[in-house]
Amino acid sequence: MMTKLMGIFRGIASSILEIDDTTVPYEQLEILNDFLSKYHFNLNPGDMNRLLSELKRKHLVDSITVMNNDGELVVSSEGNGNMDVLSASSLLKHIDTDLASPESVLIKGSNGWFMLFPFNERTYVVKAQSSLSNIELKALAAELESFVPKIKKSSR
């Protein structure tokens, strides 16, 4: 009797849990396609500041700071990113020693998001009004590194 009852409950639960009501977010895709069609992003400018401002605009972030793993500032979209580098390096050292090696660290503050993520021997610090996924953070870093050989040379 108990086995039959368990079988009935299991059948009902599996039929309820196997309902897939996910849909493609067409409205969101339409908004993104509209945004991308209106703006042209020049990711091949002559200087670093213009590249950083284009990447900020493309990825909808407030600032981008890159530092070596030893805590040395490589480049910053805000000119002087030393405070971000100091905060990021001390935070990452604390997390590495006490918890684990993070794929990324996202902190929500009163004035937006503070995101840290290691990528190719460097650490990127991104500030934005909304959080970015790990894929978005890696795409931003890959775009920056693929364009600028100065970053690769200065990290050695």
C-alpha atoms as a PDB file:
ATOM      1  CA  MET A   1       0.000   0.000   0.000  1.00  0.00           C
ATOM      2  CA  MET A   2       2.768   2.416   0.969  1.00  0.00           C
ATOM      3  CA  THR A   3       4.678   1.585  -2.219  1.00  0.00           C
ATOM      4  CA  LYS A   4       1.666   2.365  -4.400  1.00  0.00           C
ATOM      5  CA  LEU A   5       1.114   5.654  -2.569  1.00  0.00           C
ATOM      6  CA  MET A   6       4.768   6.618  -3.011  1.00  0.00           C
ATOM      7  CA  GLY A   7       4.530   5.735  -6.701  1.00  0.00           C
ATOM      8  CA  ILE A   8       1.473   7.953  -7.136  1.00  0.00           C
ATOM      9  CA  PHE A   9       3.163  10.889  -5.360  1.00  0.00           C
ATOM     10  CA  ARG A  10       6.328  10.371  -7.373  1.00  0.00           C
ATOM     11  CA  GLY A  11       4.308  10.378 -10.618  1.00  0.00           C
ATOM     12  CA  ILE A  12       2.470  13.576  -9.679  1.00  0.00           C
ATOM     13  CA  ALA A  13       5.677  15.307  -8.556  1.00  0.00           C
ATOM     14  CA  SER A  14       7.571  14.369 -11.713  1.00  0.00           C
ATOM     15  CA  SER A  15       4.746  15.572 -13.953  1.00  0.00           C
ATOM     16  CA  ILE A  16       4.686  18.900 -12.113  1.00  0.00           C
ATOM     17  CA  LEU A  17       8.463  19.338 -12.001  1.00  0.00           C
ATOM     18  CA  GLU A  18       8.998  18.415 -15.654  1.00  0.00           C
ATOM     19  CA  ILE A  19       6.882  21.254 -16.942  1.00  0.00           C
ATOM     20  CA  ASP A  20       9.141  23.494 -18.996  1.00  0.00           C
ATOM     21  CA  ASP A  21       7.652  26.938 -19.269  1.00  0.00           C
ATOM     22  CA  THR A  22      10.817  28.757 -20.294  1.00  0.00           C
ATOM     23  CA  THR A  23      10.526  31.029 -23.273  1.00  0.00           C
ATOM     24  CA  VAL A  24      12.971  33.040 -25.285  1.00  0.00           C
ATOM     25  CA  PRO A  25      13.006  36.622 -23.944  1.00  0.00           C
ATOM     26  CA  TYR A  26      12.134  38.228 -27.286  1.00  0.00           C
ATOM     27  CA  GLU A  27      11.414  41.630 -25.721  1.00  0.00           C
ATOM     28  CA  GLN A  28      14.865  41.795 -24.132  1.00  0.00           C
ATOM     29  CA  LEU A  29      16.555  40.620 -27.319  1.00  0.00           C
ATOM     30  CA  GLU A  30      14.676  43.248 -29.295  1.00  0.00           C
ATOM     31  CA  ILE A  31      15.850  45.995 -26.921  1.00  0.00           C
ATOM     32  CA  LEU A  32      19.461  44.809 -27.144  1.00  0.00           C
ATOM     33  CA  ASN A  33      19.357  44.552 -30.930  1.00  0.00           C
ATOM     34  CA  ASP A  34      17.862  48.033 -31.115  1.00  0.00           C
ATOM     35  CA  PHE A  35      20.624  49.378 -28.853  1.00  0.00           C
ATOM     36  CA  LEU A  36      23.385  47.724 -30.875  1.00  0.00           C
ATOM     37  CA  SER A  37      21.957  48.889 -34.187  1.00  0.00           C
ATOM     38  CA  LYS A  38      21.888  52.539 -33.096  1.00  0.00           C
ATOM     39  CA  TYR A  39      25.464  52.706 -31.865  1.00  0.00           C
ATOM     40  CA  HIS A  40      28.734  52.020 -33.571  1.00  0.00           C
ATOM     41  CA  PHE A  41      31.582  51.051 -31.268  1.00  0.00           C
ATOM     42  CA  ASN A  42      35.032  51.920 -32.551  1.00  0.00           C
ATOM     43  CA  LEU A  43      37.170  49.289 -30.870  1.00  0.00           C
ATOM     44  CA  ASN A  44      40.202  50.175 -32.965  1.00  0.00           C
ATOM     45  CA  PRO A  45      41.018  53.746 -31.854  1.00  0.00           C
ATOM     46  CA  GLY A  46      44.462  55.283 -31.772  1.00  0.00           C
ATOM     47  CA  ASP A  47      44.876  55.697 -28.033  1.00  0.00           C
ATOM     48  CA  MET A  48      44.096  53.805 -24.857  1.00  0.00           C
ATOM     49  CA  ASN A  49      41.711  56.390 -23.361  1.00  0.00           C
ATOM     50  CA  ARG A  50      39.422  56.277 -26.390  1.00  0.00           C
ATOM     51  CA  LEU A  51      39.430  52.473 -26.340  1.00  0.00           C
ATOM     52  CA  LEU A  52      38.517  52.418 -22.665  1.00  0.00           C
ATOM     53  CA  SER A  53      35.711  54.926 -23.164  1.00  0.00           C
ATOM     54  CA  GLU A  54      34.328  52.838 -26.067  1.00  0.00           C
ATOM     55  CA  LEU A  55      34.476  49.668 -23.963  1.00  0.00           C
ATOM     56  CA  LYS A  56      32.737  51.464 -21.093  1.00  0.00           C
ATOM     57  CA  ARG A  57      29.999  52.580 -23.439  1.00  0.00           C
ATOM     58  CA  LYS A  58      29.672  49.175 -25.127  1.00  0.00           C
ATOM     59  CA  HIS A  59      29.498  47.167 -21.898  1.00  0.00           C
ATOM     60  CA  LEU A  60      27.518  49.833 -19.984  1.00  0.00           C
ATOM     61  CA  VAL A  61      30.038  50.155 -17.144  1.00  0.00           C
ATOM     62  CA  ASP A  62      31.266  53.172 -15.184  1.00  0.00           C
ATOM     63  CA  SER A  63      34.969  52.344 -14.926  1.00  0.00           C
ATOM     64  CA  ILE A  64      37.539  49.721 -15.919  1.00  0.00           C
ATOM     65  CA  THR A  65      40.820  49.254 -14.075  1.00  0.00           C
ATOM     66  CA  VAL A  66      43.463  46.624 -14.849  1.00  0.00           C
ATOM     67  CA  MET A  67      46.213  45.568 -12.458  1.00  0.00           C
ATOM     68  CA  ASN A  68      48.976  42.984 -12.487  1.00  0.00           C
ATOM     69  CA  ASN A  69      48.836  40.146 -10.013  1.00  0.00           C
ATOM     70  CA  ASP A  70      51.484  41.908  -7.936  1.00  0.00           C
ATOM     71  CA  GLY A  71      49.100  44.852  -7.416  1.00  0.00           C
ATOM     72  CA  GLU A  72      50.656  47.254  -9.929  1.00  0.00           C
ATOM     73  CA  LEU A  73      48.260  49.475 -11.893  1.00  0.00           C
ATOM     74  CA  VAL A  74      48.376  48.739 -15.643  1.00  0.00           C
ATOM     75  CA  VAL A  75      45.598  50.965 -16.983  1.00  0.00           C
ATOM     76  CA  SER A  76      42.507  52.732 -15.708  1.00  0.00           C
ATOM     77  CA  SER A  77      39.620  54.409 -17.482  1.00  0.00           C
ATOM     78  CA  GLU A  78      39.382  56.945 -14.671  1.00  0.00           C
ATOM     79  CA  GLY A  79      42.996  58.071 -14.938  1.00  0.00           C
ATOM     80  CA  ASN A  80      44.078  57.323 -11.396  1.00  0.00           C
ATOM     81  CA  GLY A  81      42.892  53.861 -10.409  1.00  0.00           C
ATOM     82  CA  ASN A  82      45.250  53.454  -7.452  1.00  0.00           C
ATOM     83  CA  MET A  83      42.423  53.357  -4.897  1.00  0.00           C
ATOM     84  CA  ASP A  84      40.634  50.631  -6.866  1.00  0.00           C
ATOM     85  CA  VAL A  85      43.871  48.660  -7.149  1.00  0.00           C
ATOM     86  CA  LEU A  86      44.529  48.930  -3.413  1.00  0.00           C
ATOM     87  CA  SER A  87      41.003  47.824  -2.515  1.00  0.00           C
ATOM     88  CA  ALA A  88      40.983  45.036  -5.066  1.00  0.00           C
ATOM     89  CA  SER A  89      44.368  43.572  -4.188  1.00  0.00           C
ATOM     90  CA  SER A  90      43.692  43.520  -0.441  1.00  0.00           C
ATOM     91  CA  LEU A  91      40.229  42.047  -0.975  1.00  0.00           C
ATOM     92  CA  LEU A  92      41.495  39.334  -3.329  1.00  0.00           C
ATOM     93  CA  LYS A  93      44.376  38.423  -0.983  1.00  0.00           C
ATOM     94  CA  HIS A  94      41.904  38.050   1.866  1.00  0.00           C
ATOM     95  CA  ILE A  95      39.550  35.895  -0.193  1.00  0.00           C
ATOM     96  CA  ASP A  96      42.386  33.748  -1.601  1.00  0.00           C
ATOM     97  CA  THR A  97      43.821  33.017   1.831  1.00  0.00           C
ATOM     98  CA  ASP A  98      40.619  32.526   3.787  1.00  0.00           C
ATOM     99  CA  LEU A  99      38.167  31.065   1.282  1.00  0.00           C
ATOM    100  CA  ALA A 100      39.201  29.906  -2.181  1.00  0.00           C
ATOM    101  CA  SER A 101      40.367  31.184  -5.537  1.00  0.00           C
ATOM    102  CA  PRO A 102      37.356  33.023  -6.908  1.00  0.00           C
ATOM    103  CA  GLU A 103      36.272  33.099 -10.526  1.00  0.00           C
ATOM    104  CA  SER A 104      34.932  36.569  -9.826  1.00  0.00           C
ATOM    105  CA  VAL A 105      33.901  38.706  -6.879  1.00  0.00           C
ATOM    106  CA  LEU A 106      30.794  40.873  -7.102  1.00  0.00           C
ATOM    107  CA  ILE A 107      29.999  43.378  -4.364  1.00  0.00           C
ATOM    108  CA  LYS A 108      26.841  45.453  -4.378  1.00  0.00           C
ATOM    109  CA  GLY A 109      27.268  48.834  -2.738  1.00  0.00           C
ATOM    110  CA  SER A 110      25.050  51.848  -2.342  1.00  0.00           C
ATOM    111  CA  ASN A 111      26.453  53.435  -5.503  1.00  0.00           C
ATOM    112  CA  GLY A 112      26.541  50.349  -7.763  1.00  0.00           C
ATOM    113  CA  TRP A 113      28.503  47.168  -8.283  1.00  0.00           C
ATOM    114  CA  PHE A 114      32.218  46.581  -7.671  1.00  0.00           C
ATOM    115  CA  MET A 115      33.377  43.537  -9.672  1.00  0.00           C
ATOM    116  CA  LEU A 116      36.778  41.845  -9.555  1.00  0.00           C
ATOM    117  CA  PHE A 117      37.922  39.005 -11.753  1.00  0.00           C
ATOM    118  CA  PRO A 118      41.305  37.500 -12.601  1.00  0.00           C
ATOM    119  CA  PHE A 119      42.021  37.014 -16.295  1.00  0.00           C
ATOM    120  CA  ASN A 120      45.347  36.036 -17.956  1.00  0.00           C
ATOM    121  CA  GLU A 121      47.756  36.963 -15.172  1.00  0.00           C
ATOM    122  CA  ARG A 122      45.922  40.219 -14.445  1.00  0.00           C
ATOM    123  CA  THR A 123      42.985  41.328 -12.351  1.00  0.00           C
ATOM    124  CA  TYR A 124      40.219  43.495 -13.748  1.00  0.00           C
ATOM    125  CA  VAL A 125      38.204  45.857 -11.580  1.00  0.00           C
ATOM    126  CA  VAL A 126      34.898  46.972 -13.090  1.00  0.00           C
ATOM    127  CA  LYS A 127      32.384  49.374 -11.579  1.00  0.00           C
ATOM    128  CA  ALA A 128      28.859  49.546 -12.949  1.00  0.00           C
ATOM    129  CA  GLN A 129      25.281  50.296 -11.996  1.00  0.00           C
ATOM    130  CA  SER A 130      24.273  46.675 -12.638  1.00  0.00           C
ATOM    131  CA  SER A 131      26.195  43.444 -12.274  1.00  0.00           C
ATOM    132  CA  LEU A 132      27.830  41.710 -15.219  1.00  0.00           C
ATOM    133  CA  SER A 133      27.991  37.949 -15.628  1.00  0.00           C
ATOM    134  CA  ASN A 134      31.314  36.107 -15.749  1.00  0.00           C
ATOM    135  CA  ILE A 135      30.939  35.747 -19.510  1.00  0.00           C
ATOM    136  CA  GLU A 136      30.440  39.501 -19.930  1.00  0.00           C
ATOM    137  CA  LEU A 137      33.433  40.262 -17.713  1.00  0.00           C
ATOM    138  CA  LYS A 138      35.636  37.862 -19.687  1.00  0.00           C
ATOM    139  CA  ALA A 139      34.437  39.321 -22.988  1.00  0.00           C
ATOM    140  CA  LEU A 140      35.374  42.812 -21.812  1.00  0.00           C
ATOM    141  CA  ALA A 141      38.831  41.625 -20.742  1.00  0.00           C
ATOM    142  CA  ALA A 142      39.395  39.680 -23.961  1.00  0.00           C
ATOM    143  CA  GLU A 143      38.473  42.704 -26.079  1.00  0.00           C
ATOM    144  CA  LEU A 144      40.854  44.902 -24.135  1.00  0.00           C
ATOM    145  CA  GLU A 145      43.726  42.417 -24.271  1.00  0.00           C
ATOM    146  CA  SER A 146      43.303  41.522 -27.921  1.00  0.00           C
ATOM    147  CA  PHE A 147      43.628  45.146 -28.939  1.00  0.00           C
ATOM    148  CA  VAL A 148      46.384  46.392 -26.698  1.00  0.00           C
ATOM    149  CA  PRO A 149      49.787  44.723 -26.799  1.00  0.00           C
ATOM    150  CA  LYS A 150      51.002  47.316 -24.243  1.00  0.00           C
ATOM    151  CA  ILE A 151      49.028  45.555 -21.535  1.00  0.00           C
ATOM    152  CA  LYS A 152      50.685  42.229 -22.283  1.00  0.00           C
ATOM    153  CA  LYS A 153      54.167  43.780 -22.302  1.00  0.00           C
ATOM    154  CA  SER A 154      53.668  45.795 -19.116  1.00  0.00           C
ATOM    155  CA  SER A 155      52.599  42.734 -17.147  1.00  0.00           C
ATOM    156  CA  ARG A 156      55.950  41.029 -17.656  1.00  0.00           C
END
